[in-house]
């Protein structure tokens, strides 16, 4: 085998290897793109959950305030009934 044939074989092997590596890089780019899309979707989901949690926290605070008011009213009614004595 001549050195020219040897060089041609080496160039062919390099071209084949470059083709394989190019395919692997393209596959890696596709995988990274898919991961980025999934991360973006998860980010939007977390933001939506945060907003929902904040809304629910506000609603619970309102309910807690109303419940405190009801308990205070009931305590006053019970105290007033105790002050008036037994009624029949």
N, C-alpha and C. Protein backbone atom coordinates (compact mmCIF):
# COMPACT_ATOMS: atom_id res chain seq x y z
N UNK A 1 0.86 -1.18 0.00
CA UNK A 1 0.00 0.00 0.00
C UNK A 1 0.90 1.23 0.00
N UNK A 2 0.58 2.14 -0.86
CA UNK A 2 1.39 3.34 -0.98
C UNK A 2 0.96 4.34 0.06
N UNK A 3 1.81 5.30 0.28
CA UNK A 3 1.47 6.32 1.26
C UNK A 3 0.27 7.14 0.80
N UNK A 4 0.06 7.23 -0.52
CA UNK A 4 -1.11 7.95 -1.04
C UNK A 4 -2.38 7.18 -0.73
N UNK A 5 -2.33 5.86 -0.87
CA UNK A 5 -3.48 5.02 -0.51
C UNK A 5 -3.75 5.10 0.99
N UNK A 6 -2.67 5.07 1.76
CA UNK A 6 -2.78 5.18 3.21
C UNK A 6 -3.42 6.51 3.60
N UNK A 7 -2.99 7.57 2.95
CA UNK A 7 -3.55 8.90 3.22
C UNK A 7 -5.01 8.96 2.83
N UNK A 8 -5.37 8.36 1.71
CA UNK A 8 -6.77 8.34 1.25
C UNK A 8 -7.63 7.57 2.25
N UNK A 9 -7.12 6.45 2.75
CA UNK A 9 -7.87 5.66 3.74
C UNK A 9 -8.06 6.45 5.04
N UNK A 10 -7.01 7.14 5.46
CA UNK A 10 -7.12 7.94 6.67
C UNK A 10 -8.12 9.08 6.50
N UNK A 11 -8.10 9.74 5.33
CA UNK A 11 -9.06 10.82 5.06
C UNK A 11 -10.48 10.27 5.04
N UNK A 12 -10.67 9.11 4.44
CA UNK A 12 -12.00 8.49 4.40
C UNK A 12 -12.48 8.16 5.81
N UNK A 13 -11.57 7.64 6.64
CA UNK A 13 -11.94 7.32 8.03
C UNK A 13 -12.29 8.58 8.79
N UNK A 14 -11.53 9.64 8.56
CA UNK A 14 -11.83 10.92 9.23
C UNK A 14 -13.18 11.47 8.79
N UNK A 15 -13.46 11.39 7.49
CA UNK A 15 -14.76 11.87 6.97
C UNK A 15 -15.91 11.09 7.58
N UNK A 16 -15.73 9.77 7.71
CA UNK A 16 -16.77 8.93 8.30
C UNK A 16 -16.97 9.31 9.77
N UNK A 17 -15.87 9.48 10.46
CA UNK A 17 -15.96 9.85 11.88
C UNK A 17 -16.61 11.22 12.05
N UNK A 18 -16.28 12.18 11.19
CA UNK A 18 -16.89 13.50 11.24
C UNK A 18 -18.40 13.41 11.00
N UNK A 19 -18.79 12.53 10.08
CA UNK A 19 -20.22 12.34 9.83
C UNK A 19 -20.95 11.81 11.05
N UNK A 20 -20.34 10.83 11.72
CA UNK A 20 -20.94 10.25 12.92
C UNK A 20 -21.03 11.31 14.02
N UNK A 21 -19.93 12.03 14.23
CA UNK A 21 -19.93 13.05 15.28
C UNK A 21 -20.89 14.18 14.97
N UNK A 22 -21.02 14.50 13.70
CA UNK A 22 -21.98 15.55 13.31
C UNK A 22 -23.40 15.11 13.65
N UNK A 23 -23.71 13.84 13.41
CA UNK A 23 -25.02 13.30 13.76
C UNK A 23 -25.25 13.32 15.26
N UNK A 24 -24.20 12.98 16.00
CA UNK A 24 -24.32 13.00 17.46
C UNK A 24 -24.55 14.42 17.98
N UNK A 25 -23.85 15.39 17.39
CA UNK A 25 -24.05 16.79 17.81
C UNK A 25 -25.46 17.26 17.48
N UNK A 26 -25.97 16.87 16.32
CA UNK A 26 -27.34 17.25 15.95
C UNK A 26 -28.34 16.62 16.92
N UNK A 27 -28.10 15.38 17.30
CA UNK A 27 -28.97 14.70 18.27
C UNK A 27 -28.91 15.39 19.62
N UNK A 28 -27.70 15.80 20.01
CA UNK A 28 -27.53 16.49 21.28
C UNK A 28 -28.26 17.84 21.26
N UNK A 29 -28.17 18.56 20.15
CA UNK A 29 -28.88 19.83 20.03
C UNK A 29 -30.39 19.63 20.15
N UNK A 30 -30.88 18.57 19.52
CA UNK A 30 -32.31 18.26 19.60
C UNK A 30 -32.72 17.94 21.04
N UNK A 31 -31.88 17.15 21.72
CA UNK A 31 -32.17 16.81 23.12
C UNK A 31 -32.17 18.06 24.00
N UNK A 32 -31.19 18.94 23.80
CA UNK A 32 -31.12 20.17 24.59
C UNK A 32 -32.33 21.06 24.33
N UNK A 33 -32.76 21.11 23.09
CA UNK A 33 -33.94 21.90 22.74
C UNK A 33 -35.18 21.35 23.45
N UNK A 34 -35.29 20.04 23.47
CA UNK A 34 -36.42 19.40 24.16
C UNK A 34 -36.38 19.68 25.66
N UNK A 35 -35.20 19.60 26.24
CA UNK A 35 -35.05 19.88 27.68
C UNK A 35 -35.41 21.33 27.97
N UNK A 36 -34.97 22.26 27.11
CA UNK A 36 -35.31 23.68 27.31
C UNK A 36 -36.80 23.90 27.24
N UNK A 37 -37.47 23.23 26.31
CA UNK A 37 -38.92 23.38 26.20
C UNK A 37 -39.62 22.86 27.45
N UNK A 38 -39.14 21.73 27.97
CA UNK A 38 -39.74 21.17 29.19
C UNK A 38 -39.48 22.07 30.40
N UNK A 39 -38.28 22.63 30.48
CA UNK A 39 -37.98 23.54 31.58
C UNK A 39 -38.84 24.80 31.52
N UNK A 40 -39.06 25.30 30.31
CA UNK A 40 -39.91 26.49 30.16
C UNK A 40 -41.34 26.18 30.60
N UNK A 41 -41.83 25.00 30.23
CA UNK A 41 -43.19 24.61 30.64
C UNK A 41 -43.27 24.47 32.16
N UNK A 42 -42.25 23.88 32.77
CA UNK A 42 -42.24 23.75 34.23
C UNK A 42 -42.16 25.11 34.90
N UNK A 43 -41.40 26.03 34.31
CA UNK A 43 -41.30 27.38 34.87
C UNK A 43 -42.67 28.06 34.86
N UNK A 44 -43.40 27.93 33.75
CA UNK A 44 -44.74 28.53 33.67
C UNK A 44 -45.69 27.87 34.67
N UNK A 45 -45.56 26.57 34.84
CA UNK A 45 -46.40 25.87 35.80
C UNK A 45 -46.12 26.36 37.23
N UNK A 46 -44.86 26.52 37.56
CA UNK A 46 -44.50 27.01 38.91
C UNK A 46 -45.03 28.42 39.12
N UNK A 47 -44.94 29.26 38.09
CA UNK A 47 -45.48 30.63 38.21
C UNK A 47 -46.98 30.59 38.43
N UNK A 48 -47.67 29.72 37.69
CA UNK A 48 -49.13 29.62 37.85
C UNK A 48 -49.49 29.12 39.24
N UNK A 49 -48.74 28.14 39.74
CA UNK A 49 -48.98 27.63 41.09
C UNK A 49 -48.74 28.72 42.14
N UNK A 50 -47.73 29.53 41.92
CA UNK A 50 -47.43 30.61 42.86
C UNK A 50 -48.58 31.62 42.90
N UNK A 51 -49.08 31.96 41.73
CA UNK A 51 -50.20 32.91 41.66
C UNK A 51 -51.43 32.32 42.35
N UNK A 52 -51.71 31.05 42.07
CA UNK A 52 -52.86 30.38 42.68
C UNK A 52 -52.72 30.31 44.19
N UNK A 53 -51.51 30.00 44.64
CA UNK A 53 -51.27 29.92 46.09
C UNK A 53 -51.48 31.29 46.74
N UNK A 54 -51.02 32.34 46.09
CA UNK A 54 -51.20 33.69 46.64
C UNK A 54 -52.69 34.03 46.71
N UNK A 55 -53.44 33.67 45.68
CA UNK A 55 -54.88 33.92 45.69
C UNK A 55 -55.57 33.15 46.81
N UNK A 56 -55.19 31.88 46.97
CA UNK A 56 -55.80 31.07 48.02
C UNK A 56 -55.44 31.58 49.41
N UNK A 57 -54.21 32.04 49.57
CA UNK A 57 -53.79 32.59 50.85
C UNK A 57 -54.64 33.82 51.18
N UNK A 58 -54.89 34.66 50.20
CA UNK A 58 -55.74 35.84 50.41
C UNK A 58 -57.15 35.45 50.80
N UNK A 59 -57.68 34.44 50.12
CA UNK A 59 -59.05 33.99 50.44
C UNK A 59 -59.10 33.38 51.85
N UNK A 60 -58.09 32.60 52.22
CA UNK A 60 -58.07 32.03 53.57
C UNK A 60 -57.97 33.13 54.62
N UNK A 61 -57.23 34.16 54.34
CA UNK A 61 -57.12 35.27 55.29
C UNK A 61 -58.48 35.94 55.47
N UNK A 62 -59.21 36.14 54.37
CA UNK A 62 -60.55 36.73 54.46
C UNK A 62 -61.48 35.83 55.28
N UNK A 63 -61.44 34.53 55.01
CA UNK A 63 -62.28 33.59 55.75
C UNK A 63 -61.91 33.57 57.23
N UNK A 64 -60.63 33.64 57.52
CA UNK A 64 -60.18 33.64 58.91
C UNK A 64 -60.69 34.88 59.63
N UNK A 65 -60.66 36.03 58.97
CA UNK A 65 -61.17 37.27 59.56
C UNK A 65 -62.67 37.16 59.83
N UNK A 66 -63.40 36.62 58.86
CA UNK A 66 -64.85 36.45 59.02
C UNK A 66 -65.16 35.48 60.16
N UNK A 67 -64.39 34.39 60.21
CA UNK A 67 -64.61 33.42 61.27
C UNK A 67 -64.31 34.02 62.65
N UNK A 68 -63.25 34.80 62.75
CA UNK A 68 -62.95 35.49 64.01
C UNK A 68 -64.10 36.40 64.41
N UNK A 69 -64.68 37.08 63.44
CA UNK A 69 -65.81 37.98 63.72
C UNK A 69 -67.01 37.18 64.22
N UNK A 70 -67.29 36.05 63.60
CA UNK A 70 -68.42 35.21 64.01
C UNK A 70 -68.19 34.68 65.43
N UNK A 71 -66.97 34.25 65.71
CA UNK A 71 -66.65 33.74 67.05
C UNK A 71 -66.84 34.85 68.08
N UNK A 72 -66.40 36.05 67.78
CA UNK A 72 -66.57 37.18 68.70
C UNK A 72 -68.04 37.47 68.94
N UNK A 73 -68.84 37.45 67.87
CA UNK A 73 -70.28 37.67 68.02
C UNK A 73 -70.92 36.58 68.90
N UNK A 74 -70.53 35.34 68.66
CA UNK A 74 -71.07 34.24 69.47
C UNK A 74 -70.66 34.38 70.93
N UNK A 75 -69.44 34.77 71.17
CA UNK A 75 -68.99 34.95 72.56
C UNK A 75 -69.78 36.05 73.23
N UNK A 76 -70.07 37.14 72.51
CA UNK A 76 -70.88 38.23 73.09
C UNK A 76 -72.31 37.76 73.36
N UNK A 77 -72.88 36.98 72.44
CA UNK A 77 -74.24 36.46 72.63
C UNK A 77 -74.29 35.54 73.85
N UNK A 78 -73.28 34.68 73.98
CA UNK A 78 -73.24 33.76 75.12
C UNK A 78 -73.06 34.54 76.42
N UNK A 79 -72.21 35.56 76.40
CA UNK A 79 -71.99 36.38 77.59
C UNK A 79 -73.26 37.14 77.95
N UNK A 80 -73.94 37.69 76.95
CA UNK A 80 -75.19 38.43 77.21
C UNK A 80 -76.26 37.50 77.76
N UNK A 81 -76.30 36.29 77.26
CA UNK A 81 -77.29 35.32 77.76
C UNK A 81 -76.96 34.94 79.21
N UNK A 82 -75.67 34.82 79.52
CA UNK A 82 -75.29 34.49 80.90
C UNK A 82 -75.59 35.63 81.84
N UNK A 83 -75.45 36.90 81.38
CA UNK A 83 -75.74 38.05 82.21
C UNK A 83 -77.24 38.18 82.48
N UNK A 84 -78.05 37.75 81.53
CA UNK A 84 -79.50 37.89 81.69
C UNK A 84 -80.06 36.79 82.59
N UNK A 85 -79.27 35.78 82.86
CA UNK A 85 -79.75 34.69 83.70
C UNK A 85 -80.56 33.71 82.89
N UNK A 86 -81.00 32.65 83.55
CA UNK A 86 -81.78 31.64 82.82
C UNK A 86 -83.13 32.22 82.41
N UNK A 87 -83.51 31.94 81.20
CA UNK A 87 -84.80 32.43 80.72
C UNK A 87 -85.66 31.25 80.35
N UNK A 88 -86.93 31.35 80.78
CA UNK A 88 -87.90 30.28 80.48
C UNK A 88 -89.17 30.86 80.03
